[in-house]
Protein backbone atom coordinates (compact mmCIF):
# COMPACT_ATOMS: atom_id res chain seq x y z
CA MET A 1 38.93 12.54 36.68
CA ILE A 2 37.60 9.23 35.42
CA LEU A 3 36.98 10.73 31.98
CA GLN A 4 40.58 11.97 31.80
CA VAL A 5 41.96 8.54 32.72
CA PHE A 6 39.76 6.92 30.08
CA ARG A 7 40.88 9.45 27.48
CA ASP A 8 44.55 8.77 28.23
CA ALA A 9 44.08 4.99 28.06
CA VAL A 10 42.19 4.85 24.76
CA PRO A 11 44.30 5.52 21.64
CA VAL A 12 43.44 8.40 19.35
CA ILE A 13 40.99 7.38 16.64
CA THR A 14 42.47 8.04 13.21
CA SER A 15 40.68 8.43 9.88
CA GLY A 16 41.79 5.09 8.48
CA ILE A 17 40.65 3.10 11.50
CA LEU A 18 37.37 5.03 11.55
CA THR A 19 36.78 4.11 7.90
CA VAL A 20 37.31 0.41 8.63
CA ILE A 21 35.00 0.57 11.66
CA LEU A 22 32.23 2.25 9.66
CA LEU A 23 32.47 -0.32 6.88
CA SER A 24 32.34 -3.17 9.39
CA CYS A 25 29.33 -1.74 11.18
CA THR A 26 27.55 -1.05 7.88
CA LEU A 27 28.06 -4.60 6.64
CA PHE A 28 26.93 -6.01 9.98
CA GLY A 29 23.76 -3.94 9.85
CA ILE A 30 23.03 -5.04 6.26
CA GLN A 31 23.53 -8.73 6.95
CA THR A 32 21.45 -8.50 10.14
CA TYR A 33 18.60 -6.65 8.42
CA PHE A 34 18.43 -8.99 5.42
CA ASN A 35 19.19 -12.09 7.51
CA PHE A 36 22.01 -13.39 5.35
CA THR A 37 23.24 -16.94 5.63
CA GLN A 38 25.95 -17.48 8.24
CA GLY A 39 29.40 -17.34 6.66
CA VAL A 40 28.23 -15.73 3.43
CA PHE A 41 31.32 -13.46 3.37
CA SER A 42 33.79 -15.74 5.18
CA VAL A 43 36.99 -16.98 3.60
CA GLY A 44 37.70 -20.66 3.06
CA ALA A 45 38.10 -23.26 0.35
CA SER A 46 34.93 -21.95 -1.33
CA VAL A 47 36.97 -19.04 -2.67
CA PHE A 48 38.53 -21.43 -5.20
CA VAL A 49 35.86 -24.15 -5.34
CA ASN A 50 32.91 -21.85 -6.05
CA GLY A 51 34.84 -18.89 -7.44
CA HIS A 52 33.89 -16.52 -4.60
CA LEU A 53 36.87 -14.25 -5.07
CA HIS A 54 34.96 -11.24 -3.78
CA ARG A 55 35.20 -12.72 -0.28
CA LEU A 56 38.90 -11.88 -0.20
CA LEU A 57 37.86 -8.21 -0.07
CA THR A 58 34.84 -8.50 2.21
CA TYR A 59 35.85 -11.03 4.87
CA PRO A 60 37.70 -8.56 7.18
CA PHE A 61 34.54 -6.42 7.46
CA TYR A 62 32.22 -9.38 8.07
CA HIS A 63 31.29 -10.49 11.61
CA LYS A 64 28.75 -13.09 12.65
CA THR A 65 27.78 -11.68 16.06
CA LEU A 66 27.76 -8.31 17.77
CA ALA A 67 30.24 -9.49 20.41
CA GLN A 68 32.67 -10.53 17.68
CA LEU A 69 32.27 -7.15 16.00
CA LEU A 70 32.99 -5.17 19.18
CA LEU A 71 36.02 -7.26 20.16
CA ASN A 72 37.46 -7.03 16.65
CA ILE A 73 37.05 -3.23 16.66
CA ILE A 74 38.86 -2.98 20.01
CA THR A 75 41.67 -5.18 18.67
CA LEU A 76 42.01 -3.03 15.56
CA VAL A 77 42.13 0.23 17.53
CA PHE A 78 44.84 -0.94 19.93
CA LEU A 79 47.01 -2.90 17.47
CA SER A 80 46.81 -0.98 14.17
CA GLY A 81 46.95 2.66 15.23
CA SER A 82 50.74 2.80 15.30
CA LEU A 83 51.00 1.61 11.69
CA GLU A 84 48.71 4.34 10.41
CA LYS A 85 50.65 6.99 12.33
CA GLY A 86 53.84 5.68 10.75
CA VAL A 87 52.76 5.55 7.08
CA GLY A 88 49.75 7.86 6.81
CA THR A 89 46.02 7.26 6.35
CA VAL A 90 46.06 6.61 2.60
CA ARG A 91 48.90 4.10 2.73
CA PHE A 92 47.37 2.45 5.79
CA LEU A 93 44.12 1.74 3.96
CA PHE A 94 46.11 0.41 1.03
CA LEU A 95 48.17 -1.83 3.33
CA PHE A 96 45.00 -2.93 5.10
CA MET A 97 43.51 -4.26 1.88
CA LEU A 98 46.81 -5.71 0.67
CA LEU A 99 47.55 -7.58 3.89
CA SER A 100 43.99 -8.85 4.35
CA THR A 101 43.69 -10.02 0.74
CA THR A 102 47.07 -11.78 0.79
CA ALA A 103 46.41 -13.48 4.12
CA GLY A 104 42.93 -14.57 3.01
CA PHE A 105 44.30 -15.93 -0.27
CA PHE A 106 46.93 -18.10 1.40
CA TYR A 107 44.51 -19.32 4.05
CA ALA A 108 41.90 -20.25 1.42
CA PHE A 109 44.56 -22.14 -0.51
CA MET A 110 45.67 -23.99 2.64
CA ASP A 111 42.05 -24.79 3.49
CA LEU A 112 41.60 -26.20 -0.01
CA LEU A 113 44.59 -28.51 0.46
CA GLN A 114 43.27 -29.89 3.75
CA GLY A 115 40.34 -31.66 2.09
CA GLU A 116 36.67 -31.91 2.97
CA SER A 117 37.17 -33.21 6.52
CA SER A 118 38.65 -30.12 8.16
CA LYS A 119 37.20 -27.07 6.43
CA SER A 120 36.83 -23.93 8.55
CA HIS A 121 35.99 -20.40 7.46
CA THR A 122 37.40 -17.23 8.93
CA GLU A 123 36.36 -13.61 9.05
CA GLY A 124 36.93 -10.44 11.04
CA LEU A 125 39.58 -7.81 11.68
CA VAL A 126 41.89 -9.88 13.88
CA PRO A 127 44.08 -11.37 11.10
CA VAL A 128 44.85 -8.02 9.49
CA ALA A 129 45.40 -6.39 12.90
CA LEU A 130 48.03 -9.02 13.74
CA ALA A 131 49.62 -8.49 10.32
CA CYS A 132 49.85 -4.76 11.08
CA VAL A 133 51.58 -5.52 14.39
CA ALA A 134 54.09 -7.80 12.67
CA LEU A 135 54.79 -5.12 10.05
CA SER A 136 55.27 -2.44 12.69
CA THR A 137 57.76 -4.53 14.67
CA MET A 138 59.93 -4.94 11.58
CA HIS A 139 60.42 -1.18 11.24
CA THR A 140 60.66 -0.10 14.87
CA LYS A 141 63.96 0.71 16.61
CA MET A 142 62.78 -0.69 19.91
CA THR A 143 64.29 -3.97 21.06
CA LYS A 144 62.12 -4.70 24.10
CA GLY A 145 58.38 -4.79 24.60
CA PHE A 146 56.46 -4.56 27.86
CA LEU A 147 53.07 -6.02 28.68
CA CYS A 148 51.67 -6.07 32.22
CA GLY A 149 55.15 -5.53 33.63
CA VAL A 150 56.69 -8.41 31.65
CA SER A 151 59.59 -7.66 29.28
CA PHE A 152 60.07 -9.63 26.06
CA PRO A 153 61.79 -9.11 22.68
CA ILE A 154 59.84 -6.82 20.38
CA ILE A 155 59.88 -9.46 17.64
CA ALA A 156 57.72 -11.66 19.89
CA LEU A 157 54.98 -9.04 20.26
CA PRO A 158 52.79 -10.39 17.39
CA TRP A 159 52.91 -13.89 18.87
CA VAL A 160 51.94 -12.59 22.31
CA CYS A 161 49.00 -10.78 20.72
CA LEU A 162 48.15 -13.97 18.83
CA ILE A 163 47.79 -15.94 22.06
CA ILE A 164 45.62 -13.24 23.66
CA THR A 165 43.30 -12.75 20.69
CA THR A 166 42.88 -16.47 20.05
CA ALA A 167 41.91 -17.04 23.67
CA LEU A 168 39.54 -14.06 24.08
CA ILE A 169 37.91 -13.37 20.71
CA PRO A 170 35.23 -15.79 19.45
CA HIS A 171 35.37 -17.29 15.95
CA SER A 172 39.10 -16.65 15.81
CA VAL A 173 40.88 -19.16 13.55
CA LEU A 174 44.44 -19.85 14.67
CA PRO A 175 45.94 -20.94 11.28
CA CYS A 176 44.68 -17.80 9.56
CA ASN A 177 46.11 -15.59 12.31
CA VAL A 178 49.50 -17.31 12.02
CA ILE A 179 49.48 -16.80 8.26
CA ALA A 180 48.61 -13.12 8.73
CA ILE A 181 51.59 -12.61 11.06
CA LEU A 182 53.89 -14.26 8.53
CA ILE A 183 52.47 -12.06 5.75
CA GLY A 184 53.15 -8.95 7.80
CA TRP A 185 56.66 -10.16 8.54
CA MET A 186 57.35 -10.80 4.83
CA TYR A 187 56.02 -7.39 3.88
CA GLY A 188 58.28 -5.80 6.47
CA LYS A 189 61.21 -7.64 4.94
CA GLY A 190 60.43 -6.05 1.56
CA TRP A 191 59.13 -9.12 -0.23
CA PHE A 192 56.11 -7.18 -1.54
CA SER A 193 58.02 -4.01 -2.42
CA LEU A 194 56.68 -4.09 -5.99
CA LEU A 195 53.14 -3.71 -4.66
CA ASP A 196 53.98 -0.90 -2.25
CA MET A 197 52.55 2.59 -2.68
CA SER A 198 55.03 5.44 -2.75
CA GLU A 199 54.76 8.47 -0.51
CA ALA A 200 54.38 10.79 -3.51
CA ARG A 201 51.51 8.74 -4.93
CA ALA A 202 49.77 8.69 -1.56
CA GLY A 203 50.19 12.46 -1.29
CA VAL A 204 48.38 12.90 -4.60
CA LEU A 205 45.54 10.54 -3.66
CA GLU A 206 44.84 12.18 -0.31
CA LYS A 207 43.87 15.39 -2.14
CA MET A 208 41.11 13.56 -4.03
CA LEU A 209 37.76 12.17 -2.99
CA PRO A 210 36.96 10.41 -0.68
CA PHE A 211 40.16 11.15 1.25
CA ARG A 212 39.53 14.88 1.05
CA LEU A 213 36.31 14.33 2.98
CA LEU A 214 38.16 12.33 5.63
CA ARG A 215 40.62 15.15 6.00
CA SER A 216 37.82 17.63 6.62
CA ILE A 217 36.51 15.69 9.65
CA SER A 218 37.86 17.51 12.68
CA ALA A 219 36.82 14.94 15.29
CA VAL A 220 39.37 12.36 14.09
CA MET A 221 43.04 12.58 13.14
CA PHE A 222 43.94 12.39 9.46
CA VAL A 223 47.58 11.36 9.16
CA PRO A 224 49.22 12.89 6.03
CA ALA A 225 51.40 10.85 3.74
CA SER A 226 54.28 13.34 3.71
CA THR A 227 56.90 12.83 6.39
CA GLU A 228 57.15 16.53 7.23
CA GLU A 229 53.39 17.03 7.46
CA ARG A 230 53.02 13.81 9.44
CA ARG A 231 55.61 15.00 11.94
CA GLU A 232 53.80 18.31 12.37
CA THR A 233 50.49 16.51 12.88
CA LEU A 234 51.71 13.95 15.39
CA LEU A 235 54.22 16.23 17.15
CA PRO A 236 52.74 19.73 17.19
CA GLN A 237 54.95 22.60 18.28
CA ILE A 238 54.32 23.66 21.86
CA ASN A 239 54.05 27.42 22.41
CA PRO A 240 53.82 28.01 26.15
CA THR A 241 52.05 31.10 27.41
CA PRO A 242 54.15 33.71 29.23
CA GLY A 243 54.44 32.93 32.91
CA SER A 244 53.66 29.23 32.56
CA TYR A 245 57.21 28.25 33.44
CA PRO A 246 58.88 29.27 36.75
CA VAL A 247 61.73 31.76 36.49
CA GLN A 248 64.48 32.56 38.98
CA ALA A 249 64.16 35.90 40.79
CA TYR A 250 67.20 38.07 41.31
CA ALA A 251 67.70 40.83 43.86
CA PRO A 252 67.74 44.34 42.38
CA LEU A 253 71.09 46.07 42.11
CA SER A 254 69.93 48.97 44.29
CA SER A 255 69.39 46.65 47.29
CA ILE A 256 73.05 45.66 47.44
CA ASN A 257 75.02 47.61 50.12
CA THR A 258 78.00 49.21 48.47
CA SER A 259 79.03 51.59 51.26
CA ASP A 260 81.86 49.40 52.56
CA THR A 261 83.24 47.89 49.41
CA MET A 262 83.35 49.46 46.00
CA ALA A 263 84.30 46.86 43.42
CA LYS A 264 85.74 48.05 40.18
CA MET A 265 86.78 46.13 37.10
CA TYR A 266 90.25 46.49 35.67
CA GLU A 267 90.85 44.61 32.42
CA GLY A 268 88.12 42.16 33.31
CA TRP A 269 89.32 41.48 36.89
CA PRO A 270 87.66 42.77 40.07
CA ASN A 271 89.75 45.35 41.83
CA SER A 272 88.87 46.45 45.39
CA THR A 273 89.91 50.05 46.20
CA SER A 274 89.10 49.76 49.90
CA ALA A 275 91.91 47.28 50.47
CA LEU A 276 94.46 49.74 49.05
CA SER A 277 93.12 52.74 50.88
CA SER A 278 93.55 51.26 54.37
CA PRO A 279 96.11 48.49 54.35
CA THR A 280 96.71 46.39 57.43
CA PRO A 281 100.21 47.03 58.81
CA PRO A 282 102.40 43.97 59.23
CA VAL A 283 103.64 42.98 62.70
CA ASN A 284 107.36 43.50 63.39
CA PRO A 285 108.85 40.20 64.55
CA HIS A 286 111.35 42.06 66.86
CA GLY A 287 108.67 43.76 68.90
CA HIS A 288 109.21 47.28 67.44
CA GLY A 289 106.55 49.41 66.00
CA PRO A 290 105.20 49.11 62.54
CA ALA A 291 107.65 49.50 59.75
CA HIS A 292 106.82 52.44 57.50
CA SER A 293 107.70 50.75 54.28
CA PHE A 294 105.94 49.41 51.26
CA GLY A 295 107.00 46.16 49.67
CA THR A 296 106.23 44.86 46.27
CA SER A 297 104.33 41.64 45.66
CA HIS A 298 107.54 39.86 44.70
CA GLY A 299 109.28 40.42 48.04
CA HIS A 300 111.84 43.06 46.84
CA CYS A 301 112.77 45.88 49.15
CA SER A 302 111.89 49.38 48.03
CA GLU A 303 114.23 52.35 48.02
CA GLN A 304 112.32 54.12 50.78
CA SER A 305 112.58 51.14 53.10
CA PHE A 306 116.30 50.79 52.45
CA GLY A 307 116.90 54.44 53.16
CA GLN A 308 115.04 54.39 56.47
CA SER A 309 116.94 51.29 57.59
CA CYS A 310 120.27 52.95 56.82
CA ASN A 311 119.34 56.12 58.74
CA HIS A 312 118.28 54.05 61.71
CA ASN A 313 121.59 52.20 61.78
CA HIS A 314 123.54 55.47 61.44
CA LEU A 315 121.76 57.06 64.39
CA THR A 316 122.41 54.03 66.53
CA HIS A 317 126.12 54.08 65.70
CA SER A 318 126.41 57.81 66.55
CA HIS A 319 124.70 57.32 69.88
CA GLY A 320 127.21 54.63 70.75
CA GLN A 321 130.07 57.01 70.08
CA LEU A 322 128.62 59.64 72.35
């Protein structure tokens, strides 16, 4: 029971997110084993001052402490999974590097302009996770978001996540996170459309190494680049087993009592023969016996009824003469 609740609460781990997690854990193990200097892969003004351009590619995978690493992984899993399911694994990894590099570049440039007094370095997965949230909100059709029972406009979701991550995650730099949200918003607006990867190109790359190896891992979900294949992966067709759905039971035809009434169909209309075989005689308003006559449905008198009435009047007249 508890395992089922935990499985429903945790998002499905996809191949792209698993790749980022493995790279982050690998880099953390390397820098812990070799005891690297603190901030050796962080992004700041040193990117331009010392020419450390490689930090623009490595800073999202770098974490100073184990607590920072775990909290950044949790943030990535909960905030970036929807983007990968919307664009595919190959395009997600491309967007991950594009958004992180662009956000790190602009933050390093801003840090350079601030001078020597207020220099701060940043690292981790939080900036790119917030950029993914901002990008996802630009393409969604939802207008309202819900968090802990509180409703707010969906465009405000990245800023709500910004407040939560800045307050809970250590070594989180607020200016870099704000820049990352703006970068994701600009990409969603199409300002970086020249750098975007097409769906056809992503479909070709996912058939090559190392993406072919990611696709062969059955424990995680590989999201294809094609829209049709992605729909089949995320929304599999449900084939219920026979008897899994309740059906309505009907009484067999043999159990119906047809001794009193025998219904027949005439030109599509039910016709009861028992009503014609034993009609109910009408009551004579003058207190006489039943009239032996048949009338049509339109109220016209038949010839037999007229003849009997005339004979009755004739006999009465003859009796008066006698």
